[in-house]
Protein backbone atom coordinates (compact mmCIF):
# COMPACT_ATOMS: atom_id res chain seq x y z
CA GLN A 1 -0.16 -0.21 -0.22
CA VAL A 2 1.11 3.84 -0.42
CA GLN A 3 3.50 4.80 2.33
CA LEU A 4 4.62 8.15 2.74
CA VAL A 5 7.19 8.60 5.73
CA GLU A 6 8.50 12.14 7.04
CA SER A 7 11.44 12.46 8.87
CA GLY A 8 13.96 15.16 9.86
CA GLY A 9 12.00 17.29 12.05
CA GLY A 10 12.95 18.75 15.44
CA LEU A 11 13.84 21.76 17.42
CA VAL A 12 15.92 24.65 15.87
CA GLN A 13 16.39 28.21 16.85
CA PRO A 14 15.41 30.90 15.08
CA GLY A 15 17.35 31.72 11.98
CA GLY A 16 18.31 27.94 11.77
CA SER A 17 17.81 25.45 9.16
CA LEU A 18 16.16 22.03 8.84
CA ARG A 19 15.76 19.32 5.95
CA LEU A 20 12.83 17.31 5.85
CA SER A 21 12.56 14.04 3.95
CA CYS A 22 9.55 12.25 2.72
CA LYS A 23 10.10 8.59 1.73
CA GLU A 24 7.90 7.15 -0.73
CA SER A 25 6.83 3.60 -1.27
CA GLY A 26 4.06 1.34 -2.33
CA PHE A 27 3.06 2.72 -5.64
CA THR A 28 4.45 2.75 -9.27
CA LEU A 29 2.89 5.86 -10.85
CA ALA A 30 5.02 7.71 -13.60
CA HIS A 31 3.50 10.80 -13.23
CA TYR A 32 2.54 12.32 -9.98
CA HIS A 33 3.09 15.30 -7.44
CA ILE A 34 4.37 15.18 -3.78
CA GLY A 35 3.28 18.20 -1.82
CA TRP A 36 4.29 19.74 1.61
CA PHE A 37 1.73 21.00 4.02
CA ARG A 38 1.96 22.07 7.73
CA GLN A 39 -0.56 22.62 10.31
CA ALA A 40 -0.01 24.69 13.49
CA PRO A 41 -2.41 24.38 16.70
CA GLY A 42 -5.76 25.96 15.99
CA LYS A 43 -4.78 26.64 12.28
CA GLU A 44 -5.91 25.67 9.14
CA ARG A 45 -3.34 23.21 7.10
CA GLU A 46 -1.17 25.19 4.84
CA GLY A 47 0.17 24.20 1.63
CA LEU A 48 3.74 24.87 1.33
CA SER A 49 5.25 23.44 -1.78
CA CYS A 50 4.84 20.87 -4.50
CA ILE A 51 7.08 19.01 -6.90
CA SER A 52 6.18 17.02 -9.84
CA SER A 53 7.98 13.48 -10.37
CA TRP A 54 8.99 13.43 -13.79
CA ASN A 55 10.27 17.06 -14.48
CA SER A 56 10.58 18.27 -10.87
CA ASN A 57 8.39 21.31 -11.68
CA THR A 58 7.91 23.18 -8.50
CA TYR A 59 5.48 25.58 -6.80
CA TYR A 60 5.71 27.42 -3.72
CA ALA A 61 3.70 29.40 -1.31
CA ASP A 62 4.57 33.09 -0.75
CA SER A 63 5.06 32.69 2.74
CA VAL A 64 7.79 30.35 1.94
CA LYS A 65 9.38 31.36 -1.09
CA GLY A 66 12.86 32.45 -0.96
CA ARG A 67 13.49 30.53 2.42
CA PHE A 68 12.22 26.90 1.54
CA THR A 69 13.55 24.66 -1.33
CA ILE A 70 11.84 21.48 -2.59
CA SER A 71 13.73 18.62 -4.13
CA ARG A 72 13.75 14.97 -5.29
CA ASP A 73 15.87 12.16 -5.43
CA ASN A 74 14.18 9.54 -7.92
CA ALA A 75 16.97 6.87 -7.11
CA LYS A 76 15.69 7.05 -3.37
CA SER A 77 12.39 7.76 -3.76
CA THR A 78 12.50 10.74 -1.37
CA VAL A 79 11.34 14.35 -1.67
CA TYR A 80 13.07 16.67 0.57
CA LEU A 81 12.22 20.20 1.94
CA GLN A 82 15.25 22.47 2.72
CA MET A 83 13.84 25.12 5.27
CA ASN A 84 16.44 28.12 5.96
CA SER A 85 15.87 31.00 7.88
CA LEU A 86 13.34 29.62 10.14
CA LYS A 87 10.91 31.63 12.23
CA PRO A 88 8.77 30.72 15.35
CA GLU A 89 5.86 30.95 13.03
CA ASP A 90 7.25 28.30 10.96
CA THR A 91 6.48 25.76 14.15
CA ALA A 92 3.93 23.20 12.99
CA VAL A 93 3.51 19.47 12.32
CA TYR A 94 4.80 19.09 8.49
CA TYR A 95 3.01 16.71 6.33
CA CYS A 96 4.04 15.19 2.88
CA ALA A 97 1.27 14.40 0.64
CA LEU A 98 0.73 12.29 -2.82
CA HIS A 99 -1.28 13.70 -5.54
CA THR A 100 -1.95 10.75 -8.10
CA SER A 101 -2.33 12.58 -11.23
CA PRO A 102 -0.14 14.23 -13.69
CA PHE A 103 -2.34 17.62 -13.64
CA LEU A 104 -1.93 19.90 -10.75
CA GLY A 105 -1.56 23.59 -11.25
CA GLU A 106 -0.28 26.27 -9.34
CA ALA A 107 -3.92 27.40 -8.10
CA GLN A 108 -4.55 23.69 -6.68
CA PHE A 109 -1.10 22.56 -5.37
CA SER A 110 -1.68 24.17 -1.76
CA ASP A 111 -5.04 22.72 -1.68
CA TYR A 112 -5.19 19.82 0.81
CA ARG A 113 -8.23 18.34 -1.01
CA ALA A 114 -6.02 17.68 -4.02
CA TYR A 115 -3.89 14.81 -2.68
CA ASP A 116 -5.12 11.24 -2.15
CA TYR A 117 -2.55 10.05 0.67
CA TRP A 118 -0.75 11.40 3.55
CA GLY A 119 2.18 10.76 6.06
CA GLN A 120 1.86 10.84 9.60
CA GLY A 121 3.88 14.17 9.87
CA THR A 122 6.92 15.73 11.72
CA GLN A 123 7.09 18.00 14.44
CA VAL A 124 8.77 21.50 13.60
CA THR A 125 9.38 23.48 16.43
CA VAL A 126 11.42 26.90 15.93
CA SER A 127 12.23 28.32 19.54
CA SER A 128 14.79 29.96 21.51
């Protein structure tokens, strides 16, 4: 079955960096998208970034553009989210998710309803 497993979360000081990983398994789709989302307590799930599986086309939310970078290593079936210049407001549980279609536009990538499978999440805490 489809599995997405996030790792790399933790406690980091403001201004610091973390790299999250999303290990994919259990499916053999040729064209799909992986998105990163986060959810802070009492807030809605926020779409951050997305990458396509076949050409690594990327989208970013304005809130993280210039600070976060999404990438993928197809040989390792892993998608990464490099997070730099972290702020306390970046504190949240971070999730990766799978969109099982090649069609995902910039207007949709941040909508959690567009995704079919989710990982369990990894906690990121930015605090001094």
